[in-house]
Protein backbone atom coordinates (compact mmCIF):
# COMPACT_ATOMS: atom_id res chain seq x y z
CA MET A 1 -12.36 -0.97 -17.14
CA TYR A 2 -12.91 -0.59 -13.63
CA ASP A 3 -11.14 2.43 -12.06
CA HIS A 4 -12.67 2.09 -8.53
CA LEU A 5 -15.41 -0.08 -6.39
CA VAL A 6 -17.62 1.93 -3.68
CA GLY A 7 -19.62 -0.83 -1.75
CA GLU A 8 -19.32 -3.00 1.70
CA VAL A 9 -16.86 -4.97 2.88
CA VAL A 10 -19.14 -8.86 3.01
CA GLU A 11 -15.42 -10.71 3.39
CA ARG A 12 -11.78 -10.08 4.11
CA HIS A 13 -9.04 -12.53 4.00
CA PRO A 14 -5.65 -11.57 4.12
CA SER A 15 -4.84 -11.75 0.28
CA ARG A 16 -8.48 -10.90 -1.74
CA ALA A 17 -11.30 -9.26 -0.17
CA VAL A 18 -15.15 -8.87 -1.25
CA LEU A 19 -17.25 -5.68 -2.30
CA ARG A 20 -20.95 -5.86 -2.28
CA CYS A 21 -21.26 -2.83 -5.00
CA GLY A 22 -25.42 -2.49 -5.91
CA GLY A 23 -25.85 -6.03 -4.50
CA VAL A 24 -22.82 -7.59 -6.74
CA GLY A 25 -20.21 -9.04 -4.69
CA TYR A 26 -16.90 -8.15 -6.25
CA GLU A 27 -13.63 -10.35 -5.11
CA CYS A 28 -10.84 -8.52 -5.17
CA ARG A 29 -7.02 -9.76 -4.87
CA VAL A 30 -5.35 -7.35 -2.36
CA SER A 31 -2.10 -6.57 -0.73
CA LEU A 32 -1.89 -7.26 3.77
CA THR A 33 -1.92 -3.38 3.25
CA THR A 34 -4.94 -2.96 1.62
CA ALA A 35 -6.21 -5.83 3.32
CA SER A 36 -5.32 -4.51 6.91
CA GLN A 37 -7.37 -1.33 6.49
CA LEU A 38 -10.55 -2.89 5.06
CA GLN A 39 -13.35 -3.92 8.02
CA VAL A 40 -16.38 -6.48 7.68
CA GLY A 41 -19.56 -4.56 7.28
CA SER A 42 -17.85 -1.07 6.74
CA SER A 43 -18.19 0.84 3.64
CA CYS A 44 -15.02 1.48 1.47
CA GLN A 45 -13.40 2.19 -2.12
CA LEU A 46 -10.91 0.37 -3.83
CA PHE A 47 -8.97 1.18 -6.72
CA THR A 48 -8.99 -1.10 -8.97
CA ILE A 49 -6.71 -3.03 -11.62
CA LEU A 50 -8.35 -5.64 -14.09
CA HIS A 51 -5.45 -7.97 -14.45
CA VAL A 52 -5.96 -10.94 -17.41
CA VAL A 53 -3.61 -13.51 -17.78
CA ASP A 54 -4.32 -16.09 -20.68
CA GLY A 55 -7.98 -15.81 -20.52
CA THR A 56 -8.53 -15.28 -16.90
CA PRO A 57 -8.96 -12.17 -15.11
CA SER A 58 -8.53 -11.09 -11.77
CA LEU A 59 -9.33 -8.33 -9.88
CA LEU A 60 -6.96 -6.34 -7.85
CA GLY A 61 -7.88 -3.59 -5.67
CA PHE A 62 -5.84 -1.02 -3.80
CA ALA A 63 -6.85 1.21 -0.73
CA THR A 64 -4.77 4.06 -2.25
CA ARG A 65 -4.29 5.08 -5.73
CA ALA A 66 -0.90 5.85 -5.01
CA GLU A 67 -0.37 2.08 -4.15
CA ARG A 68 -2.48 1.11 -7.28
CA ASP A 69 -0.28 3.62 -9.45
CA LEU A 70 3.29 1.61 -8.04
CA ALA A 71 1.40 -1.41 -9.04
CA ARG A 72 0.80 -0.94 -12.42
CA ARG A 73 4.32 0.04 -12.63
CA LEU A 74 5.60 -3.55 -11.30
CA LEU A 75 3.25 -5.62 -13.41
CA GLY A 76 4.72 -3.68 -16.06
CA VAL A 77 8.30 -5.40 -15.23
CA THR A 78 9.17 -8.37 -17.08
CA ASN A 79 8.15 -11.71 -14.77
CA VAL A 80 6.26 -9.79 -12.23
CA GLY A 81 2.61 -10.50 -11.99
CA PRO A 82 0.07 -9.68 -9.73
CA SER A 83 1.04 -12.37 -6.84
CA ILE A 84 4.47 -10.84 -6.83
CA ALA A 85 3.64 -6.94 -6.91
CA LEU A 86 0.69 -7.94 -4.36
CA ALA A 87 3.86 -9.74 -2.20
CA LEU A 88 6.08 -6.79 -2.81
CA LEU A 89 3.02 -4.19 -1.96
CA SER A 90 2.24 -6.28 1.27
CA VAL A 91 6.27 -5.90 2.62
CA HIS A 92 6.81 -2.94 1.81
CA SER A 93 4.87 0.52 2.11
CA PRO A 94 4.06 1.57 -1.32
CA ALA A 95 6.30 4.89 -0.57
CA ASP A 96 8.97 2.49 1.18
CA LEU A 97 9.24 0.27 -1.27
CA ALA A 98 9.06 3.21 -4.25
CA SER A 99 12.38 4.79 -2.03
CA ALA A 100 13.87 0.90 -2.37
CA ILE A 101 13.87 0.75 -6.22
CA GLY A 102 14.77 4.58 -6.54
CA GLU A 103 18.10 3.96 -4.59
CA GLY A 104 18.66 0.40 -6.19
CA ASP A 105 18.17 -1.04 -3.02
CA ALA A 106 17.91 -5.15 -4.59
CA GLU A 107 18.22 -6.60 -0.70
CA ALA A 108 15.00 -4.85 0.77
CA LEU A 109 12.99 -6.30 -2.79
CA LYS A 110 14.62 -9.80 -2.50
CA ARG A 111 13.55 -10.46 1.25
CA VAL A 112 10.09 -10.85 -0.61
CA LYS A 113 8.97 -14.07 -1.31
CA GLY A 114 9.01 -15.24 -5.10
CA VAL A 115 11.97 -11.90 -5.58
CA GLY A 116 15.08 -13.23 -6.90
CA GLN A 117 17.81 -11.20 -7.50
CA LYS A 118 17.50 -10.61 -11.23
CA THR A 119 13.74 -9.77 -10.66
CA ALA A 120 14.83 -6.91 -7.86
CA GLU A 121 18.05 -6.07 -10.21
CA ARG A 122 15.37 -5.60 -12.81
CA LEU A 123 12.64 -3.85 -10.72
CA CYS A 124 15.26 -1.38 -9.35
CA LEU A 125 16.95 -0.85 -13.55
CA GLU A 126 13.34 -0.51 -15.07
CA LEU A 127 11.60 1.38 -12.50
CA ARG A 128 14.07 3.99 -10.96
CA ASP A 129 12.91 6.87 -12.68
CA ALA A 130 9.56 6.36 -12.82
CA VAL A 131 9.07 5.57 -9.17
CA HIS A 132 10.01 9.50 -8.33
CA LYS A 133 7.25 10.81 -11.15
CA LEU A 134 4.65 9.02 -8.31
CA ASP A 135 3.60 10.67 -5.97
CA LEU A 136 3.53 8.50 -3.01
CA GLY A 137 5.12 11.01 -0.47
CA THR A 138 8.30 9.88 -0.61
CA GLY A 139 9.89 12.94 -1.37
CA ASP A 140 9.68 16.16 1.20
CA PRO A 141 11.12 18.71 1.09
CA ALA A 142 10.68 20.01 4.87
CA GLY A 143 12.43 16.91 5.66
CA ARG A 144 9.33 14.67 7.06
CA PRO A 145 10.38 11.11 7.71
CA LEU A 146 9.42 8.64 4.87
CA PRO A 147 6.20 6.19 5.81
CA SER A 148 7.03 3.33 7.46
CA GLN A 149 5.04 0.17 8.67
CA SER A 150 4.44 1.27 11.88
CA ALA A 151 3.25 4.92 10.75
CA ASP A 152 0.86 2.63 8.19
CA ASP A 153 -0.81 0.63 10.62
CA ALA A 154 -1.23 3.58 13.00
CA VAL A 155 -2.62 5.65 10.41
CA ALA A 156 -5.17 3.16 9.81
CA ALA A 157 -5.97 2.63 13.38
CA LEU A 158 -6.16 6.15 13.64
CA ILE A 159 -9.35 5.40 10.84
CA THR A 160 -11.18 3.31 13.18
CA LEU A 161 -11.27 5.84 15.43
CA GLY A 162 -13.02 8.05 13.36
CA TYR A 163 -9.82 10.24 12.15
CA SER A 164 -9.92 11.26 8.27
CA GLU A 165 -7.27 9.84 6.18
CA LYS A 166 -5.86 12.93 5.85
CA ASP A 167 -6.02 14.48 9.54
CA ALA A 168 -4.38 10.74 10.77
CA ARG A 169 -1.68 11.08 8.34
CA GLU A 170 -0.53 14.73 9.70
CA LYS A 171 -0.98 13.74 13.44
CA VAL A 172 1.02 10.65 12.82
CA ASP A 173 3.75 12.43 10.75
CA LYS A 174 3.43 15.09 13.23
CA ALA A 175 4.01 12.15 16.23
CA ARG A 176 7.19 10.91 14.40
CA ARG A 177 8.64 14.13 14.05
CA SER A 178 8.73 14.87 17.72
CA ALA A 179 11.82 13.64 19.90
CA THR A 180 10.33 11.25 21.73
CA THR A 181 8.88 9.12 18.84
CA PRO A 182 10.76 9.55 15.64
CA HIS A 183 11.21 5.78 15.19
CA ALA A 184 8.04 4.48 17.36
CA ASP A 185 6.08 1.31 16.78
CA THR A 186 2.24 1.38 15.99
CA GLU A 187 0.75 1.85 19.57
CA ALA A 188 3.22 4.04 20.46
CA LEU A 189 2.80 6.22 17.53
CA VAL A 190 -1.51 6.29 18.03
CA LYS A 191 -0.94 6.72 21.87
CA ALA A 192 0.99 9.79 20.87
CA VAL A 193 -1.89 11.09 18.70
CA LEU A 194 -4.33 10.68 21.18
CA GLN A 195 -2.71 12.76 23.60
CA MET A 196 -2.45 15.78 21.34
């Protein structure tokens, strides 16, 4: 029903945000990954899923199409609702989560609160083939390292400094490929990019 919302962020919390679009405030449940990219008072775009359970609707918001596409797949798995899907996307970036599912790494999934052994195994079994078809940046023939939480946080920090998302991702990837920063933390990545 709603593909995306574009508006001003009027509230931001770790698990929800309110976007004012055309004078109407839309409350969206968000992952920590998405929440970290929002700033109160700034304009942003959230890709959305309208999820209805027992007649009660909730709007889920995602910073990227990739995150939303993966969330749709997660919600299609038995016993996975919005809370578990958002928890998975809060602990793992979309690329890391898809990689864990694709490799059958149930242990990585079980680290998320609310995900037990059966749910982790079901996610791996049901989504193993599907995650490879999603465009999440998990596979790159050039050998680019997979995004990590540090890389995603560095990209978010660079965007707040005025970089476009595309430019920020390219520069962070370049910094991670360099010999001195392949496993750098967020601060080191941002410093490396600013020194380029």
